[in-house]
């Protein structure tokens, strides 16, 4: 089916554009800012899936919808989270490092979460999921394009400076087209489940933004660090989630129900994330009054 060919290509382009913005030094921030990185990584790898699991239960999502929500929760942030962090006045280096490292780690963690979630929510109806096979596919679609993008940046920096902006725009446009196509092809399923999925996904986004901000603030991190951690906690890679949802169930006349949470989330997430980004941007630009007085000459 065409979608099974087009979707991986779109995801590969998105991940390649992510790699163009990475340097090997980005992976070492874990040692430079260990506390900020540890909190962000813990949120993405533990807090996000646990929150999604609780919400799936609270909102009574059915088997494949619940599995789709867990797939979404296991996918780390992507290029858009880095751009949002930059616009919001966050710590862009921390945001990029979290995206880079967790994207690589997800090659292992994502298949494990998917297999456990399928067994729990689908039970005997769950298709056999080979963790190693799924991990290999995720590696090919994420880590390999990221590595190629980083290699191109390393060996052809001038070419990357010229091409990176339009490649990023192309990746974003392809993702938008993917969302529109998914909605058109699955409109009946989307409309019938929006009343349940919408509140669940908005709640997921709101809780994760709040948890990310609170956890960073309680740890005594700087406001710019807290901004990036909140955005990384509350933003998932919708394109990767759609691709994995398709891998798990397969396409049969359209995108399966396991992809609908990611499709809906790609729209609803920005209902709260965008105002949050604008609020944090305003906070970062608000001048802080000083207790030190001086004279004007």
Protein backbone atom coordinates (compact mmCIF):
# COMPACT_ATOMS: atom_id res chain seq x y z
CA UNK A 1 0.00 0.00 0.00
CA UNK A 2 1.20 3.54 -0.85
CA UNK A 3 1.02 4.80 2.75
CA UNK A 4 3.42 2.05 3.87
CA UNK A 5 6.01 3.48 1.47
CA UNK A 6 5.31 7.20 1.78
CA UNK A 7 5.12 7.35 5.58
CA UNK A 8 8.61 5.91 6.27
CA UNK A 9 10.06 8.28 3.66
CA UNK A 10 8.43 11.28 5.36
CA UNK A 11 9.69 10.13 8.76
CA UNK A 12 13.21 9.61 7.38
CA UNK A 13 13.23 13.16 5.94
CA UNK A 14 12.08 14.56 9.29
CA UNK A 15 14.77 12.67 11.20
CA UNK A 16 17.40 13.63 8.60
CA UNK A 17 16.53 17.29 9.11
CA UNK A 18 16.95 16.73 12.85
CA UNK A 19 20.41 15.29 12.26
CA UNK A 20 21.43 18.35 10.23
CA UNK A 21 21.02 20.42 13.38
CA UNK A 22 23.04 18.11 15.65
CA UNK A 23 26.72 17.97 16.56
CA UNK A 24 28.57 15.29 18.51
CA UNK A 25 28.95 17.86 21.30
CA UNK A 26 25.15 17.86 21.74
CA UNK A 27 25.35 14.35 23.15
CA UNK A 28 27.84 15.42 25.82
CA UNK A 29 25.54 17.91 27.52
CA UNK A 30 24.45 14.99 29.70
CA UNK A 31 27.79 15.47 31.47
CA UNK A 32 27.83 19.26 31.30
CA UNK A 33 24.30 19.74 32.68
CA UNK A 34 23.60 16.39 34.35
CA UNK A 35 20.76 17.55 36.60
CA UNK A 36 18.72 19.19 33.85
CA UNK A 37 19.31 16.31 31.48
CA UNK A 38 18.46 13.70 34.12
CA UNK A 39 15.13 15.38 34.94
CA UNK A 40 14.20 15.76 31.28
CA UNK A 41 15.18 12.19 30.47
CA UNK A 42 13.28 10.80 33.47
CA UNK A 43 10.17 12.71 32.43
CA UNK A 44 10.33 11.48 28.84
CA UNK A 45 11.15 7.86 29.58
CA UNK A 46 9.11 7.26 32.76
CA UNK A 47 6.65 10.06 33.53
CA UNK A 48 5.21 10.37 30.00
CA UNK A 49 4.34 6.65 29.54
CA UNK A 50 2.97 6.37 33.10
CA UNK A 51 0.78 9.46 32.60
CA UNK A 52 -0.48 8.11 29.27
CA UNK A 53 -1.30 4.75 30.84
CA UNK A 54 -3.30 6.40 33.65
CA UNK A 55 -5.21 8.60 31.20
CA UNK A 56 -5.99 5.63 28.92
CA UNK A 57 -7.61 3.96 31.93
CA UNK A 58 -9.42 7.08 33.16
CA UNK A 59 -10.89 7.93 29.74
CA UNK A 60 -11.77 4.30 28.97
CA UNK A 61 -9.92 4.11 25.66
CA UNK A 62 -10.44 0.84 23.83
CA UNK A 63 -7.66 -1.60 22.95
CA UNK A 64 -6.11 -0.16 19.80
CA UNK A 65 -6.76 3.45 20.83
CA UNK A 66 -5.06 2.83 24.18
CA UNK A 67 -2.16 1.11 22.44
CA UNK A 68 -1.87 4.07 20.07
CA UNK A 69 -1.71 6.43 23.04
CA UNK A 70 1.09 4.37 24.59
CA UNK A 71 2.97 4.32 21.28
CA UNK A 72 2.71 8.11 21.16
CA UNK A 73 3.97 8.38 24.76
CA UNK A 74 7.01 6.25 23.92
CA UNK A 75 8.08 8.58 21.08
CA UNK A 76 10.39 11.43 22.17
CA UNK A 77 10.15 14.99 20.93
CA UNK A 78 11.47 15.92 17.53
CA UNK A 79 12.47 18.93 15.46
CA UNK A 80 9.39 20.93 16.43
CA UNK A 81 10.16 20.68 20.15
CA UNK A 82 13.61 22.17 19.55
CA UNK A 83 12.13 25.02 17.51
CA UNK A 84 9.47 25.63 20.17
CA UNK A 85 12.12 25.71 22.89
CA UNK A 86 14.15 28.26 20.96
CA UNK A 87 11.14 30.52 20.34
CA UNK A 88 10.09 30.27 23.99
CA UNK A 89 13.48 31.45 25.23
CA UNK A 90 14.44 28.05 26.60
CA UNK A 91 17.76 26.28 26.82
CA UNK A 92 18.06 25.15 23.21
CA UNK A 93 21.22 23.12 23.85
CA UNK A 94 19.44 21.14 26.57
CA UNK A 95 16.41 20.63 24.32
CA UNK A 96 18.54 19.38 21.44
CA UNK A 97 20.53 17.07 23.70
CA UNK A 98 17.37 15.53 25.14
CA UNK A 99 15.94 15.02 21.67
CA UNK A 100 19.17 13.51 20.36
CA UNK A 101 19.91 11.12 23.20
CA UNK A 102 16.34 9.99 23.90
CA UNK A 103 15.74 9.45 20.17
CA UNK A 104 18.59 6.96 20.14
CA UNK A 105 17.56 5.32 23.41
CA UNK A 106 13.99 4.96 22.09
CA UNK A 107 15.27 2.37 19.62
CA UNK A 108 15.32 0.08 22.69
CA UNK A 109 12.63 1.55 24.96
CA UNK A 110 9.92 2.12 22.34
CA UNK A 111 9.58 -1.55 21.25
CA UNK A 112 9.51 -2.64 24.92
CA UNK A 113 6.71 -0.18 25.75
CA UNK A 114 4.77 -1.18 22.63
CA UNK A 115 5.05 -4.91 23.34
CA UNK A 116 4.01 -4.53 27.00
CA UNK A 117 1.13 -2.18 26.09
CA UNK A 118 -0.15 -4.49 23.34
CA UNK A 119 -0.18 -7.43 25.74
CA UNK A 120 -2.03 -5.39 28.38
CA UNK A 121 -4.62 -3.56 26.27
CA UNK A 122 -5.24 -6.13 23.53
CA UNK A 123 -4.67 -9.34 25.47
CA UNK A 124 -5.23 -12.45 23.37
CA UNK A 125 -6.07 -10.27 20.35
CA UNK A 126 -2.59 -8.75 20.32
CA UNK A 127 -0.52 -9.62 17.29
CA UNK A 128 2.88 -11.11 17.98
CA UNK A 129 5.35 -8.23 18.36
CA UNK A 130 9.01 -9.07 17.89
CA UNK A 131 10.81 -6.47 19.98
CA UNK A 132 14.13 -6.89 18.15
CA UNK A 133 12.49 -6.61 14.71
CA UNK A 134 10.51 -3.51 15.70
CA UNK A 135 13.63 -2.01 17.25
CA UNK A 136 15.53 -2.62 14.04
CA UNK A 137 12.86 -0.85 11.99
CA UNK A 138 12.81 2.09 14.38
CA UNK A 139 16.61 2.25 14.18
CA UNK A 140 16.55 2.36 10.37
CA UNK A 141 13.88 5.06 10.30
CA UNK A 142 15.28 7.27 13.06
CA UNK A 143 18.91 6.70 14.06
CA UNK A 144 20.20 6.11 10.52
CA UNK A 145 18.74 9.33 9.01
CA UNK A 146 19.91 11.31 12.08
CA UNK A 147 23.41 9.87 11.65
CA UNK A 148 23.44 10.71 7.95
CA UNK A 149 22.35 14.27 8.70
CA UNK A 150 25.10 14.66 11.30
CA UNK A 151 27.68 13.21 8.90
CA UNK A 152 26.64 15.63 6.16
CA UNK A 153 26.93 18.53 8.59
CA UNK A 154 30.39 17.34 9.64
CA UNK A 155 31.83 16.89 6.16
CA UNK A 156 29.87 19.50 4.16
CA UNK A 157 29.05 22.35 6.56
CA UNK A 158 28.68 24.89 3.76
CA UNK A 159 26.16 22.71 1.93
CA UNK A 160 24.22 22.16 5.16
CA UNK A 161 24.08 25.89 5.90
CA UNK A 162 22.51 26.46 2.49
CA UNK A 163 20.20 23.45 2.39
CA UNK A 164 19.17 22.96 6.04
CA UNK A 165 16.46 25.69 6.11
CA UNK A 166 14.57 24.37 3.10
CA UNK A 167 15.00 20.75 4.17
CA UNK A 168 13.48 21.64 7.56
CA UNK A 169 10.60 23.41 5.83
CA UNK A 170 10.13 20.41 3.53
CA UNK A 171 10.02 18.06 6.52
CA UNK A 172 7.41 20.23 8.22
CA UNK A 173 5.32 20.47 5.04
CA UNK A 174 5.45 16.71 4.50
CA UNK A 175 4.32 16.15 8.07
CA UNK A 176 1.38 18.54 7.61
CA UNK A 177 0.40 16.74 4.41
CA UNK A 178 0.61 13.44 6.26
CA UNK A 179 -1.76 14.68 8.96
CA UNK A 180 -4.25 16.05 6.41
CA UNK A 181 -4.14 12.82 4.39
CA UNK A 182 -4.60 10.74 7.53
CA UNK A 183 -7.63 12.79 8.58
CA UNK A 184 -9.24 12.55 5.14
CA UNK A 185 -8.66 8.81 4.87
CA UNK A 186 -9.91 8.12 8.41
CA UNK A 187 -12.51 10.85 8.82
CA UNK A 188 -15.28 8.61 10.12
CA UNK A 189 -13.04 7.03 12.75
CA UNK A 190 -11.60 10.44 13.63
CA UNK A 191 -15.01 12.07 14.05
CA UNK A 192 -16.47 9.20 16.08
CA UNK A 193 -13.52 9.07 18.48
CA UNK A 194 -12.71 12.78 18.77
CA UNK A 195 -15.03 13.23 21.76
CA UNK A 196 -13.01 10.67 23.71
CA UNK A 197 -9.55 11.11 22.21
CA UNK A 198 -9.60 14.92 22.23
CA UNK A 199 -10.00 15.39 26.01
CA UNK A 200 -7.56 12.55 26.75
CA UNK A 201 -4.86 14.03 24.52
CA UNK A 202 -5.40 17.61 25.71
CA UNK A 203 -5.18 16.32 29.30
CA UNK A 204 -1.96 14.47 28.44
CA UNK A 205 -0.41 17.60 26.97
CA UNK A 206 -1.53 19.83 29.87
CA UNK A 207 -0.33 17.43 32.56
CA UNK A 208 3.06 16.86 30.95
CA UNK A 209 3.73 20.56 30.41
CA UNK A 210 2.83 21.20 34.05
CA UNK A 211 4.85 18.25 35.36
CA UNK A 212 7.86 19.23 33.26
CA UNK A 213 7.76 22.81 34.52
CA UNK A 214 7.15 21.80 38.14
CA UNK A 215 9.84 19.11 38.25
CA UNK A 216 12.47 21.48 36.84
CA UNK A 217 11.43 24.30 39.18
CA UNK A 218 11.49 22.03 42.24
CA UNK A 219 15.00 20.95 41.28
CA UNK A 220 16.08 24.58 41.34
CA UNK A 221 16.87 24.80 37.63
CA UNK A 222 16.96 28.08 35.75
CA UNK A 223 13.71 29.26 34.10
CA UNK A 224 15.15 28.68 30.63
CA UNK A 225 15.99 25.08 31.59
CA UNK A 226 12.50 24.59 33.01
CA UNK A 227 10.99 25.88 29.77
CA UNK A 228 12.88 23.37 27.65
CA UNK A 229 12.19 20.46 29.98
CA UNK A 230 8.47 21.27 30.00
CA UNK A 231 8.34 21.44 26.20
CA UNK A 232 10.36 18.23 25.79
CA UNK A 233 8.12 16.49 28.34
CA UNK A 234 4.91 17.64 26.70
CA UNK A 235 5.84 17.23 23.02
CA UNK A 236 5.96 13.85 21.29
CA UNK A 237 7.10 12.84 17.81
CA UNK A 238 3.76 12.36 16.07
CA UNK A 239 5.30 11.22 12.79
CA UNK A 240 7.24 8.44 14.51
CA UNK A 241 4.13 7.40 16.47
CA UNK A 242 2.09 7.14 13.28
CA UNK A 243 4.81 5.07 11.63
CA UNK A 244 5.10 2.69 14.60
CA UNK A 245 1.32 2.37 14.86
CA UNK A 246 1.30 1.33 11.22
CA UNK A 247 4.16 -1.14 11.74
CA UNK A 248 2.41 -2.85 14.65
CA UNK A 249 -0.98 -3.41 12.99
CA UNK A 250 -0.39 -2.84 9.29
CA UNK A 251 -2.45 -0.91 6.77
CA UNK A 252 -5.72 -2.37 5.55
CA UNK A 253 -7.65 0.23 3.60
CA UNK A 254 -6.15 3.17 5.51
CA UNK A 255 -4.28 4.03 8.65
CA UNK A 256 -5.20 1.74 11.58
CA UNK A 257 -6.77 2.87 14.85
CA UNK A 258 -3.37 2.68 16.55
CA UNK A 259 -2.30 5.77 14.59
CA UNK A 260 -5.34 7.94 15.41
CA UNK A 261 -4.06 9.19 18.80
CA UNK A 262 -0.89 10.45 17.11
CA UNK A 263 -2.87 12.05 14.28
CA UNK A 264 -5.23 13.84 16.69
CA UNK A 265 -2.38 14.74 19.04
CA UNK A 266 -0.46 16.41 16.22
CA UNK A 267 -3.34 18.90 16.10
CA UNK A 268 -4.50 19.19 19.70
CA UNK A 269 -1.01 19.41 21.24
CA UNK A 270 -0.49 22.90 19.88
CA UNK A 271 -3.74 24.16 21.41
CA UNK A 272 -1.85 24.29 24.71
CA UNK A 273 1.80 24.14 23.67
CA UNK A 274 1.60 27.30 21.55
CA UNK A 275 0.09 29.45 24.36
CA UNK A 276 2.65 27.92 26.74
CA UNK A 277 5.49 28.84 24.37
CA UNK A 278 4.18 32.41 24.01
CA UNK A 279 3.82 32.73 27.81
CA UNK A 280 7.37 31.50 28.46
CA UNK A 281 8.69 33.75 25.69
CA UNK A 282 7.07 36.71 27.41
CA UNK A 283 8.51 35.60 30.75
CA UNK A 284 12.02 35.33 29.31
CA UNK A 285 11.79 38.87 27.93
CA UNK A 286 10.40 40.44 31.09
CA UNK A 287 13.14 42.58 32.63
CA UNK A 288 13.99 41.65 36.20
CA UNK A 289 14.21 44.50 38.65
CA UNK A 290 17.53 44.85 40.42
CA UNK A 291 18.08 45.78 44.04
CA UNK A 292 21.34 47.50 43.13
CA UNK A 293 20.90 51.20 42.57
CA UNK A 294 23.20 53.26 40.43
CA UNK A 295 23.61 56.69 38.99
CA UNK A 296 23.05 57.79 35.46
CA UNK A 297 25.77 59.95 33.99
